[in-house]
Protein backbone atom coordinates (compact mmCIF):
# COMPACT_ATOMS: atom_id res chain seq x y z
CA MET A 1 0.00 0.00 0.00
CA ILE A 2 2.70 2.51 0.94
CA PHE A 3 4.53 1.80 -2.32
CA ARG A 4 1.36 2.55 -4.32
CA LEU A 5 1.05 5.87 -2.51
CA PHE A 6 4.49 6.75 -3.82
CA ILE A 7 3.15 6.23 -7.31
CA ARG A 8 -0.22 7.95 -6.81
CA TYR A 9 1.37 11.15 -5.57
CA LYS A 10 4.24 10.89 -8.06
CA LEU A 11 6.89 10.73 -5.37
CA THR A 12 9.17 8.82 -7.65
CA ILE A 13 12.93 8.89 -7.72
CA SER A 14 12.87 11.38 -10.57
CA THR A 15 11.21 14.02 -8.36
CA LEU A 16 13.69 13.76 -5.53
CA PRO A 17 16.98 15.66 -5.30
CA LEU A 18 18.62 12.32 -4.63
CA SER A 19 22.21 13.50 -4.40
CA LEU A 20 21.25 15.82 -1.53
CA SER A 21 20.53 12.69 0.51
CA LEU A 22 24.28 12.26 0.91
CA ILE A 23 24.67 15.52 2.82
CA PRO A 24 23.14 14.35 6.15
CA SER A 25 25.81 11.65 6.30
CA VAL A 26 28.18 14.20 7.79
CA TYR A 27 26.44 13.57 11.10
CA MET A 28 28.64 10.48 11.52
CA PRO A 29 32.01 12.16 12.28
CA ILE A 30 30.22 14.74 14.44
CA ALA A 31 28.50 11.97 16.39
CA GLN A 32 31.80 10.12 16.80
CA TYR A 33 33.56 13.19 18.12
CA LEU A 34 30.76 14.01 20.57
CA LYS A 35 30.84 10.45 21.90
CA TYR A 36 34.57 10.77 22.42
CA ALA A 37 34.13 14.12 24.16
CA SER A 38 31.36 12.77 26.44
CA LEU A 39 33.47 9.77 27.55
CA ARG A 40 31.35 7.31 25.59
CA PHE A 41 34.28 5.69 23.84
CA TYR A 42 35.77 2.63 25.46
CA VAL A 43 38.92 0.57 25.64
CA ASP A 44 38.70 -0.64 22.02
CA PHE A 45 39.40 2.85 20.71
CA SER A 46 42.38 3.27 23.02
CA HIS A 47 43.98 0.06 21.73
CA TRP A 48 44.24 1.66 18.30
CA THR A 49 45.45 5.07 19.41
CA ALA A 50 48.03 3.39 21.67
CA LEU A 51 49.14 1.25 18.72
CA LEU A 52 49.45 4.30 16.49
CA ASN A 53 51.33 6.18 19.20
CA SER A 54 53.82 3.29 19.37
CA ILE A 55 54.29 3.31 15.61
CA ILE A 56 55.00 7.04 15.39
CA THR A 57 57.38 6.99 18.38
CA THR A 58 59.19 3.65 17.91
CA GLY A 59 58.25 2.52 14.42
CA LYS A 60 57.00 -0.79 15.86
CA PRO A 61 53.39 -2.05 15.93
CA PHE A 62 53.44 -2.62 19.68
CA ASN A 63 50.41 -2.39 21.94
CA PHE A 64 51.45 -2.71 25.55
CA ASN A 65 47.82 -2.41 26.67
CA HIS A 66 47.08 -5.69 24.94
CA GLU A 67 50.17 -7.29 26.44
CA LEU A 68 48.92 -6.49 29.93
CA ILE A 69 45.71 -8.44 29.25
CA PHE A 70 47.01 -11.17 26.92
CA PRO A 71 50.72 -11.87 27.53
CA GLY A 72 52.67 -12.45 24.34
CA THR A 73 50.54 -10.13 22.19
CA LYS A 74 52.63 -6.98 22.44
CA ASN A 75 53.12 -7.05 18.68
CA TYR A 76 49.57 -6.27 17.59
CA LEU A 77 50.06 -7.81 14.17
CA SER A 78 50.06 -11.17 15.96
CA VAL A 79 46.55 -10.38 17.26
CA HIS A 80 45.10 -9.06 14.00
CA PHE A 81 47.19 -8.74 10.87
CA VAL A 82 46.49 -5.12 9.90
CA PRO A 83 49.57 -3.76 8.11
CA PHE A 84 47.55 -0.84 6.69
CA ILE A 85 47.69 0.67 10.17
CA TYR A 86 51.01 2.15 9.03
CA LEU A 87 49.16 4.23 6.43
CA ILE A 88 46.90 5.57 9.17
CA ALA A 89 50.03 6.36 11.20
CA LEU A 90 51.32 8.83 8.58
CA PRO A 91 48.70 11.56 9.24
CA PHE A 92 48.60 10.56 12.91
CA LYS A 93 52.28 11.47 13.18
CA LEU A 94 51.48 14.98 11.96
CA TRP A 95 48.39 15.32 14.19
CA PRO A 96 48.73 12.82 17.09
CA TYR A 97 45.21 13.28 18.41
CA SER A 98 42.16 11.06 18.72
CA GLU A 99 40.26 13.49 16.52
CA THR A 100 42.62 12.63 13.65
CA ILE A 101 41.41 9.03 13.71
CA ILE A 102 37.78 10.13 13.74
CA VAL A 103 38.27 12.32 10.66
CA LEU A 104 40.32 9.71 8.79
CA ASN A 105 37.77 7.03 9.56
CA PHE A 106 34.98 9.08 8.00
CA ILE A 107 36.97 10.14 4.92
CA LEU A 108 38.12 6.61 4.12
CA MET A 109 34.72 5.06 4.72
CA ILE A 110 32.72 7.67 2.81
CA SER A 111 35.14 7.21 -0.09
CA SER A 112 33.37 3.88 -0.64
CA ILE A 113 30.73 5.74 -2.64
CA ILE A 114 33.30 6.48 -5.38
CA PRO A 115 33.94 2.88 -6.50
CA LEU A 116 30.28 2.02 -5.87
CA TYR A 117 29.14 4.88 -8.14
CA LYS A 118 31.58 3.86 -10.86
CA LEU A 119 30.61 0.20 -10.54
CA ALA A 120 26.87 0.96 -10.71
CA LEU A 121 27.39 3.32 -13.65
CA LEU A 122 29.46 0.73 -15.50
CA CYS A 123 26.91 -2.03 -14.94
CA GLY A 124 23.69 -0.04 -15.11
CA LYS A 125 24.65 2.60 -17.70
CA ASN A 126 22.55 5.11 -15.77
CA LYS A 127 23.80 8.02 -13.63
CA ARG A 128 20.56 8.21 -11.67
CA PHE A 129 20.91 4.53 -10.76
CA ALA A 130 24.56 5.07 -9.76
CA VAL A 131 23.66 7.97 -7.45
CA PHE A 132 20.83 5.86 -6.06
CA MET A 133 23.36 3.17 -5.08
CA MET A 134 25.51 5.75 -3.32
CA VAL A 135 22.56 6.92 -1.24
CA LEU A 136 21.66 3.35 -0.34
CA LEU A 137 25.16 2.67 0.97
CA VAL A 138 25.44 5.85 3.01
CA TRP A 139 22.07 5.25 4.66
CA TYR A 140 22.44 1.49 4.95
CA PRO A 141 22.17 0.93 8.73
CA THR A 142 25.09 -1.51 8.93
CA PHE A 143 27.34 0.96 7.09
CA GLN A 144 26.40 3.71 9.55
CA TYR A 145 26.95 1.46 12.57
CA THR A 146 30.33 0.43 11.17
CA VAL A 147 31.44 4.03 10.68
CA LEU A 148 30.17 5.03 14.13
CA TYR A 149 31.87 2.15 15.93
CA GLU A 150 34.96 3.53 17.63
CA PHE A 151 37.68 2.23 15.30
CA GLU A 152 39.16 -0.92 13.80
CA MET A 153 40.62 -1.87 10.42
CA LEU A 154 38.23 -4.53 9.10
CA ARG A 155 35.78 -1.82 7.98
CA PHE A 156 38.19 -0.70 5.26
CA ALA A 157 37.46 -3.92 3.39
CA ILE A 158 34.35 -2.11 2.12
CA PRO A 159 36.04 0.51 -0.12
CA ILE A 160 38.88 -1.81 -1.18
CA ILE A 161 36.61 -4.71 -2.22
CA LEU A 162 34.33 -2.28 -4.08
CA TRP A 163 37.36 -1.10 -6.06
CA MET A 164 38.24 -4.74 -6.67
CA PHE A 165 34.77 -5.37 -8.13
CA TYR A 166 34.93 -2.22 -10.25
CA PHE A 167 38.25 -3.10 -11.86
CA LEU A 168 36.99 -6.60 -12.59
CA GLU A 169 33.95 -5.22 -14.40
CA LYS A 170 36.11 -2.70 -16.23
CA ARG A 171 38.39 -5.57 -17.27
CA SER A 172 41.46 -3.89 -15.81
CA LYS A 173 42.93 -7.21 -14.75
CA TRP A 174 46.16 -6.03 -13.18
CA LEU A 175 44.36 -3.43 -11.08
CA TYR A 176 41.82 -6.07 -10.14
CA TYR A 177 44.56 -8.43 -8.93
CA LEU A 178 46.26 -5.54 -7.12
CA PHE A 179 43.11 -4.73 -5.15
CA SER A 180 42.50 -8.42 -4.52
CA PHE A 181 45.92 -8.50 -2.89
CA LEU A 182 45.28 -5.26 -0.99
CA ALA A 183 42.00 -6.69 0.30
CA VAL A 184 43.69 -9.68 1.96
CA LEU A 185 45.99 -7.25 3.80
CA VAL A 186 43.09 -5.41 5.47
CA ARG A 187 42.77 -8.13 8.11
CA GLU A 188 43.55 -11.83 8.17
CA GLU A 189 40.02 -13.17 7.55
CA VAL A 190 39.35 -11.05 4.43
CA GLY A 191 41.31 -13.61 2.43
CA LEU A 192 38.40 -16.01 2.89
CA THR A 193 35.99 -13.58 1.21
CA VAL A 194 38.44 -13.06 -1.66
CA MET A 195 38.78 -16.83 -2.01
CA MET A 196 35.01 -17.30 -2.15
CA PHE A 197 34.69 -14.58 -4.77
CA GLY A 198 37.24 -16.48 -6.82
CA ILE A 199 35.09 -19.60 -6.49
CA TYR A 200 32.10 -17.59 -7.71
CA LEU A 201 34.07 -16.41 -10.75
CA PHE A 202 35.33 -19.91 -11.51
CA PHE A 203 32.06 -21.83 -11.26
CA PHE A 204 29.31 -19.32 -11.97
CA GLU A 205 30.90 -16.73 -14.27
CA LYS A 206 33.06 -19.37 -16.03
CA LYS A 207 36.05 -17.05 -15.69
CA ARG A 208 38.43 -19.90 -14.95
CA LYS A 209 41.71 -18.03 -14.98
CA GLU A 210 40.54 -15.02 -12.95
CA GLY A 211 38.66 -17.26 -10.52
CA LEU A 212 41.62 -19.55 -9.96
CA ILE A 213 44.09 -16.72 -9.43
CA THR A 214 41.68 -14.89 -7.11
CA SER A 215 41.10 -18.01 -5.01
CA ILE A 216 44.84 -18.65 -4.78
CA ILE A 217 45.43 -15.05 -3.65
CA GLY A 218 42.70 -15.27 -1.01
CA LEU A 219 43.35 -18.73 0.37
CA GLY A 220 47.13 -18.45 0.06
CA ALA A 221 47.18 -15.17 1.96
CA PHE A 222 44.85 -16.51 4.67
CA ILE A 223 47.01 -19.60 5.24
CA ALA A 224 50.29 -17.67 5.15
CA ILE A 225 49.07 -14.92 7.48
CA THR A 226 47.28 -17.09 10.06
CA GLY A 227 49.55 -20.12 9.85
CA ILE A 228 52.99 -18.55 9.53
CA ILE A 229 53.21 -14.77 9.91
CA MET A 230 50.98 -14.18 12.95
CA PRO A 231 52.43 -17.09 15.01
CA LYS A 232 55.95 -15.84 14.21
CA LEU A 233 55.09 -12.36 15.46
CA SER A 234 53.59 -13.68 18.68
CA ALA A 235 55.68 -14.02 21.84
CA SER A 236 53.30 -16.58 23.33
CA LEU A 237 54.69 -20.04 24.01
CA ARG A 238 51.53 -21.56 22.55
CA TYR A 239 50.01 -19.39 19.85
CA GLU A 240 46.24 -19.24 19.56
CA HIS A 241 44.23 -16.73 17.58
CA ILE A 242 42.58 -14.12 19.78
CA ALA A 243 39.10 -15.16 18.55
CA ALA A 244 39.64 -18.94 18.90
CA LYS A 245 37.85 -19.06 22.26
CA PHE A 246 34.57 -18.08 20.55
CA PHE A 247 34.49 -21.12 18.28
CA PRO A 248 33.63 -24.69 19.28
CA VAL A 249 35.73 -27.62 18.14
CA ALA A 250 33.37 -29.91 16.26
CA GLY A 251 35.49 -32.96 16.97
CA ASN A 252 35.09 -32.54 20.71
CA SER A 253 31.52 -31.36 20.97
CA GLY A 254 30.00 -33.26 18.05
CA VAL A 255 28.82 -31.72 14.83
CA PHE A 256 25.18 -31.84 15.94
CA LYS A 257 25.99 -29.39 18.72
CA LEU A 258 26.76 -26.83 16.04
CA PHE A 259 23.10 -26.71 15.05
CA PRO A 260 22.05 -24.40 17.93
CA LEU A 261 24.73 -21.95 16.79
CA ILE A 262 23.69 -22.11 13.15
CA PHE A 263 19.96 -21.81 13.83
CA ASP A 264 20.14 -19.32 16.68
CA PRO A 265 17.04 -17.06 16.28
CA ILE A 266 19.07 -13.95 17.15
CA LYS A 267 21.61 -14.72 14.44
CA LEU A 268 18.91 -15.48 11.90
CA GLY A 269 17.16 -12.24 12.80
CA ASN A 270 20.36 -10.30 12.26
CA ILE A 271 20.86 -11.91 8.86
CA ILE A 272 17.38 -10.75 7.86
CA LEU A 273 18.25 -7.20 8.96
CA PHE A 274 21.22 -7.14 6.58
CA PHE A 275 18.83 -7.60 3.65
CA LEU A 276 15.64 -5.88 4.83
CA PRO A 277 16.79 -2.28 4.07
CA LEU A 278 17.49 -3.42 0.50
CA LEU A 279 14.11 -5.21 0.16
CA PHE A 280 16.04 -8.50 -0.20
CA ALA A 281 16.95 -7.48 -3.75
CA PRO A 282 20.53 -8.89 -3.50
CA LEU A 283 18.89 -12.34 -3.33
CA PHE A 284 18.05 -11.94 -7.01
CA SER A 285 21.74 -12.54 -7.67
CA PRO A 286 22.17 -15.59 -5.41
CA ALA A 287 25.31 -16.94 -7.06
CA LEU A 288 27.22 -13.77 -6.22
CA LEU A 289 26.21 -14.08 -2.56
CA VAL A 290 28.37 -17.22 -2.44
CA SER A 291 31.24 -14.76 -1.96
CA SER A 292 29.93 -13.87 1.50
CA LEU A 293 29.50 -17.45 2.74
CA ALA A 294 32.88 -17.71 4.48
CA ASN A 295 32.48 -14.36 6.22
CA PHE A 296 28.94 -15.25 7.32
CA GLY A 297 29.97 -18.80 8.21
CA VAL A 298 32.61 -17.60 10.65
CA GLY A 299 30.05 -15.34 12.34
CA ILE A 300 27.36 -18.01 12.49
CA LEU A 301 29.69 -20.60 14.03
CA SER A 302 30.84 -18.18 16.71
CA ARG A 303 29.42 -18.48 20.22
CA SER A 304 29.13 -14.69 20.26
CA ASN A 305 26.10 -13.19 18.52
CA THR A 306 28.02 -9.95 18.00
CA HIS A 307 30.06 -11.64 15.25
CA VAL A 308 27.00 -11.71 13.01
CA SER A 309 25.27 -8.57 14.29
CA PHE A 310 24.04 -6.04 11.73
CA MET A 311 25.08 -3.36 14.26
CA MET A 312 28.75 -4.36 14.25
CA TYR A 313 31.63 -4.40 11.79
CA TYR A 314 32.49 -8.10 11.63
CA LEU A 315 30.66 -8.65 8.33
CA SER A 316 32.19 -5.61 6.63
CA PRO A 317 33.76 -7.79 3.88
CA SER A 318 30.25 -8.94 2.94
CA VAL A 319 28.74 -5.46 2.56
CA PRO A 320 30.37 -4.84 -0.87
CA VAL A 321 29.10 -8.27 -1.95
CA PHE A 322 25.52 -7.32 -1.01
CA PHE A 323 25.70 -4.14 -3.08
CA PHE A 324 27.36 -5.81 -6.04
CA ALA A 325 24.63 -8.46 -5.91
CA LEU A 326 22.04 -5.66 -5.73
CA ILE A 327 23.49 -4.05 -8.85
CA LYS A 328 23.64 -7.37 -10.70
CA GLY A 329 20.19 -8.45 -9.54
CA TRP A 330 18.43 -5.13 -10.14
CA PRO A 331 16.95 -6.06 -13.56
CA LYS A 332 15.49 -9.28 -12.11
CA PHE A 333 14.21 -7.38 -9.06
CA THR A 334 12.36 -4.81 -11.17
CA LYS A 335 11.02 -7.58 -13.41
CA PHE A 336 9.70 -9.35 -10.32
CA LEU A 337 7.93 -6.19 -9.15
CA LYS A 338 6.44 -5.64 -12.57
CA THR A 339 5.20 -9.23 -12.75
CA HIS A 340 3.63 -9.37 -9.28
CA PHE A 341 2.74 -5.73 -8.56
CA GLY A 342 2.75 -4.25 -12.05
CA ARG A 343 -0.29 -3.02 -13.97
CA GLY A 344 1.88 -0.29 -15.41
CA ILE A 345 3.33 0.84 -12.12
CA TYR A 346 6.78 -0.73 -12.40
CA ASP A 347 7.39 -0.15 -16.09
CA SER A 348 10.38 2.03 -15.15
CA ASP A 349 13.05 1.93 -12.46
CA SER A 350 11.73 4.96 -10.58
CA PRO A 351 8.94 3.23 -8.63
CA ALA A 352 11.29 0.41 -7.62
CA MET A 353 13.85 2.95 -6.43
CA ALA A 354 11.17 4.82 -4.51
CA ALA A 355 10.04 1.58 -2.87
CA MET A 356 13.58 0.74 -1.81
CA LEU A 357 14.18 4.25 -0.46
CA CYS A 358 10.99 3.83 1.55
CA ALA A 359 12.31 0.54 2.96
CA LEU A 360 15.62 2.20 3.73
CA LEU A 361 13.90 5.05 5.57
CA VAL A 362 11.75 2.67 7.61
CA SER A 363 14.80 0.56 8.45
CA ASN A 364 16.65 3.65 9.61
CA ILE A 365 13.76 4.68 11.82
CA PHE A 366 13.38 1.32 13.54
CA PHE A 367 16.88 -0.16 13.37
CA GLY A 368 19.33 2.63 12.51
CA PRO A 369 21.53 4.87 14.69
CA SER A 370 20.98 8.22 12.94
CA PRO A 371 18.98 11.22 14.20
CA VAL A 372 15.95 9.93 12.27
CA SER A 373 15.90 6.72 14.34
CA LEU A 374 13.64 5.98 17.28
CA GLN A 375 16.57 4.97 19.47
CA PHE A 376 18.06 8.45 18.99
CA TRP A 377 15.00 10.07 20.58
CA PHE A 378 13.72 7.40 22.98
CA ARG A 379 16.11 6.00 25.56
CA ASP A 380 14.29 2.71 26.08
CA ILE A 381 14.15 1.77 22.39
CA ARG A 382 17.29 -0.06 21.32
CA PRO A 383 17.67 -2.74 18.62
CA ALA A 384 20.18 -4.55 20.83
CA LEU A 385 21.46 -3.95 24.34
CA PHE A 386 25.19 -3.71 23.63
CA ARG A 387 26.65 -1.95 26.65
CA THR A 388 29.00 0.13 24.49
CA GLN A 389 26.40 0.85 21.81
CA ASN A 390 24.13 3.70 22.87
CA PHE A 391 22.85 6.13 20.24
CA HIS A 392 20.36 8.09 22.33
CA TYR A 393 20.92 11.84 21.94
CA SER A 394 22.02 12.04 25.59
CA ALA A 395 25.15 10.08 24.64
CA TYR A 396 26.35 13.11 22.64
CA ILE A 397 25.93 15.74 25.35
CA THR A 398 29.12 17.02 26.97
CA ASN A 399 29.48 19.01 30.18
CA LYS A 400 32.11 20.45 32.52
CA HIS A 401 32.70 17.04 34.07
CA HIS A 402 33.86 15.62 30.75
CA LYS A 403 36.19 18.54 30.08
CA LEU A 404 37.81 18.15 33.48
CA VAL A 405 39.28 14.75 32.61
CA GLU A 406 42.25 16.17 30.69
CA SER A 407 43.58 18.05 33.71
CA LEU A 408 43.88 14.79 35.65
CA VAL A 409 45.36 12.90 32.69
CA LYS A 410 48.15 15.50 32.52
CA MET A 411 49.12 14.63 36.10
CA ILE A 412 50.03 11.09 35.01
CA PRO A 413 53.56 10.70 33.56
CA ASP A 414 53.72 9.25 30.05
CA GLY A 415 55.93 6.42 31.30
CA ALA A 416 53.34 5.19 33.80
CA ILE A 417 51.03 2.18 33.72
CA VAL A 418 47.48 3.17 34.65
CA SER A 419 44.52 1.14 35.86
CA ALA A 420 41.39 3.00 34.73
CA GLU A 421 37.76 2.39 33.92
CA HIS A 422 36.81 1.60 30.32
CA PHE A 423 35.56 5.05 29.39
CA LEU A 424 38.76 6.76 30.58
CA HIS A 425 41.09 4.66 28.42
CA PRO A 426 40.78 6.72 25.21
CA ARG A 427 42.40 9.63 27.06
CA LEU A 428 45.40 7.53 28.16
CA PHE A 429 46.89 6.36 24.85
CA LYS A 430 50.14 8.28 25.34
CA LYS A 431 50.87 6.50 28.61
CA ARG A 432 53.09 3.44 28.70
CA GLY A 433 50.11 1.14 29.26
CA ALA A 434 46.62 0.94 30.67
CA MET A 435 44.63 -1.82 32.37
CA VAL A 436 40.88 -1.96 32.87
CA PHE A 437 40.14 -1.29 36.56
CA PRO A 438 40.02 -3.20 38.89
CA GLN A 439 42.93 -5.05 37.25
CA LEU A 440 46.09 -3.83 39.00
CA VAL A 441 48.62 -6.41 37.83
CA SER A 442 49.27 -7.79 34.34
CA MET A 443 47.95 -11.27 33.71
CA ASP A 444 51.47 -12.75 33.84
CA GLY A 445 52.32 -10.84 37.04
CA LYS A 446 55.24 -8.96 35.48
CA PHE A 447 53.80 -5.45 35.61
CA LYS A 448 51.89 -3.46 38.21
CA ALA A 449 49.77 -0.36 37.82
CA ASP A 450 51.54 2.82 38.92
CA TYR A 451 48.35 4.88 38.99
CA VAL A 452 44.63 4.23 39.46
CA PHE A 453 42.16 6.57 37.76
CA ILE A 454 38.44 6.21 38.51
CA ASP A 455 35.33 8.29 38.03
CA LYS A 456 32.44 7.77 40.43
CA ASN A 457 30.44 10.52 38.79
CA ASN A 458 30.48 9.15 35.27
CA PRO A 459 27.14 9.97 33.66
CA VAL A 460 26.98 6.58 31.95
CA LYS A 461 24.70 4.75 34.37
CA THR A 462 22.45 1.74 34.37
CA GLY A 463 19.94 0.70 37.01
CA GLY A 464 21.12 1.29 40.55
CA GLY A 465 23.77 3.82 39.56
CA ILE A 466 26.28 1.20 38.40
CA PRO A 467 28.68 2.42 35.69
CA GLU A 468 27.62 0.88 32.39
CA SER A 469 31.21 0.21 31.31
CA TRP A 470 31.70 -2.36 34.05
CA ASP A 471 31.73 -5.97 32.97
CA GLY A 472 30.73 -8.44 35.66
CA LEU A 473 31.30 -5.99 38.51
CA ARG A 474 28.00 -4.12 38.46
CA ALA A 475 26.61 -5.51 41.70
CA ASN A 476 28.87 -3.45 43.98
CA PRO A 477 31.56 -1.31 42.33
CA GLN A 478 32.28 0.48 45.62
CA PHE A 479 33.74 -2.81 46.84
CA TYR A 480 36.46 -2.45 44.23
CA TYR A 481 36.85 1.27 44.86
CA ASP A 482 37.37 0.40 48.55
CA SER A 483 40.31 -1.83 47.67
CA ILE A 484 42.10 1.38 46.69
CA GLU A 485 40.56 3.99 48.96
CA LYS A 486 41.01 1.92 52.12
CA ALA A 487 44.63 1.08 51.42
CA PRO A 488 46.40 4.45 51.90
CA GLU A 489 49.64 2.65 52.71
CA ILE A 490 49.65 1.37 49.09
CA TRP A 491 47.72 4.03 47.21
CA LYS A 492 48.19 7.76 47.76
CA LEU A 493 45.35 10.03 46.69
CA LEU A 494 46.77 12.74 44.40
CA LYS A 495 43.56 14.51 43.47
CA ALA A 496 39.82 14.17 43.89
CA GLU A 497 37.50 16.46 41.94
CA ASP A 498 33.91 16.16 40.78
CA GLY A 499 33.90 12.38 41.19
CA TYR A 500 37.33 11.80 39.65
CA TYR A 501 39.91 10.11 41.87
CA LEU A 502 43.56 9.77 40.90
CA PHE A 503 45.78 7.56 43.05
CA LYS A 504 49.50 6.89 42.86
CA ARG A 505 51.17 3.72 44.11
CA ALA A 506 52.99 4.50 47.35
CA LYS A 507 54.89 1.24 47.50
């Protein structure tokens, strides 16, 4: 019914200034910065700024914060193989601030619309259709969530794989192979997506040579990186991938015990939400979706639902596949609409585009993070209760309490190890290392915290006044505060102001 209203009142794609729909996307870097300013970023962001700080000061990809939690992982490339972090380090060396990462993140991610536009124009031969694809990507909820998530490198698979697809369609083979190789360097698991795309080319497109070479690049890189390079870079006596704990061993548990993971209703619901904003149109090119099977398979077999969540970044390598499948399947999608809902309505692309924009708008309202979403305006409406994922407008409000944090951070020497709550970590990336309070000693016992930095007045609260950033300690955080406050012979209070408490180890 709503789609027919679009037609009746002539609200077709031809009447809309479609390109203007890209302008509101600038809210994303603003939202990221405001979250950083309001202490809504967490320890994940600080891992990357600490890593970048190490690169620009020592030239080495060391992350001492990670070493304090997981001994043997000081070299971060043994945790996740992300050599492109050195490219991020170049501008970070000129402007060594957290804001630099926020700006770079947005620029690199929004650049995805360039290869997507060129790909859609090459395949569809229509500028209006190409602009339409750009708008879909920018307002695709998963793309927005990925951009808004603090920082990581897997997201950059989106622009690189889109370039890979474009050069394949343009028949620029050497550039295609170059971007296939660049894609596997984004992060270790991207090689699996490249391999599956090669299988698609080999079996479905009958491009034997390109498919074989692509599969060799993807699988060869995955095996070399995970089986040789990462273990060599690790200082652990027994190397195990950081994510291995999330995956069951079928030989021990029995293959039938994998069924609850595969058919988990939450996971299946998330899979639907990847396709709902696009009206399931990518399914009209099912063979191409084979390329996403490895990426999806890893997420589905994980014990953690976050690995397949439409609100997270783990399926970033699959997002370009969805849009390429949408472009390839568009003629079949419009033919389907004409056959089943036609009567002259869907004789052109405009009504189909209007219908999909309607679906995209509705998806943004109910499931998206932007200012048009319900969760932005209503605190109790959230698609998922991730403790670090809050997009209510209150999360972007800063006050004097937030601004005060820098004065206490300056009191901590750069060579110190600090134990601090999650939300304080992004401000500590220039320190030698940081643990998540109440951890005071590294997991191997080699290092102790020199300072403790807590904030009892943090505005991020859940029921009962417990800081939301706590994990497993929400019942009585004061118990852990007391371990510091009631031990003056060990911890000397340096400053207390507006709920902030900074302690220094006395002995």
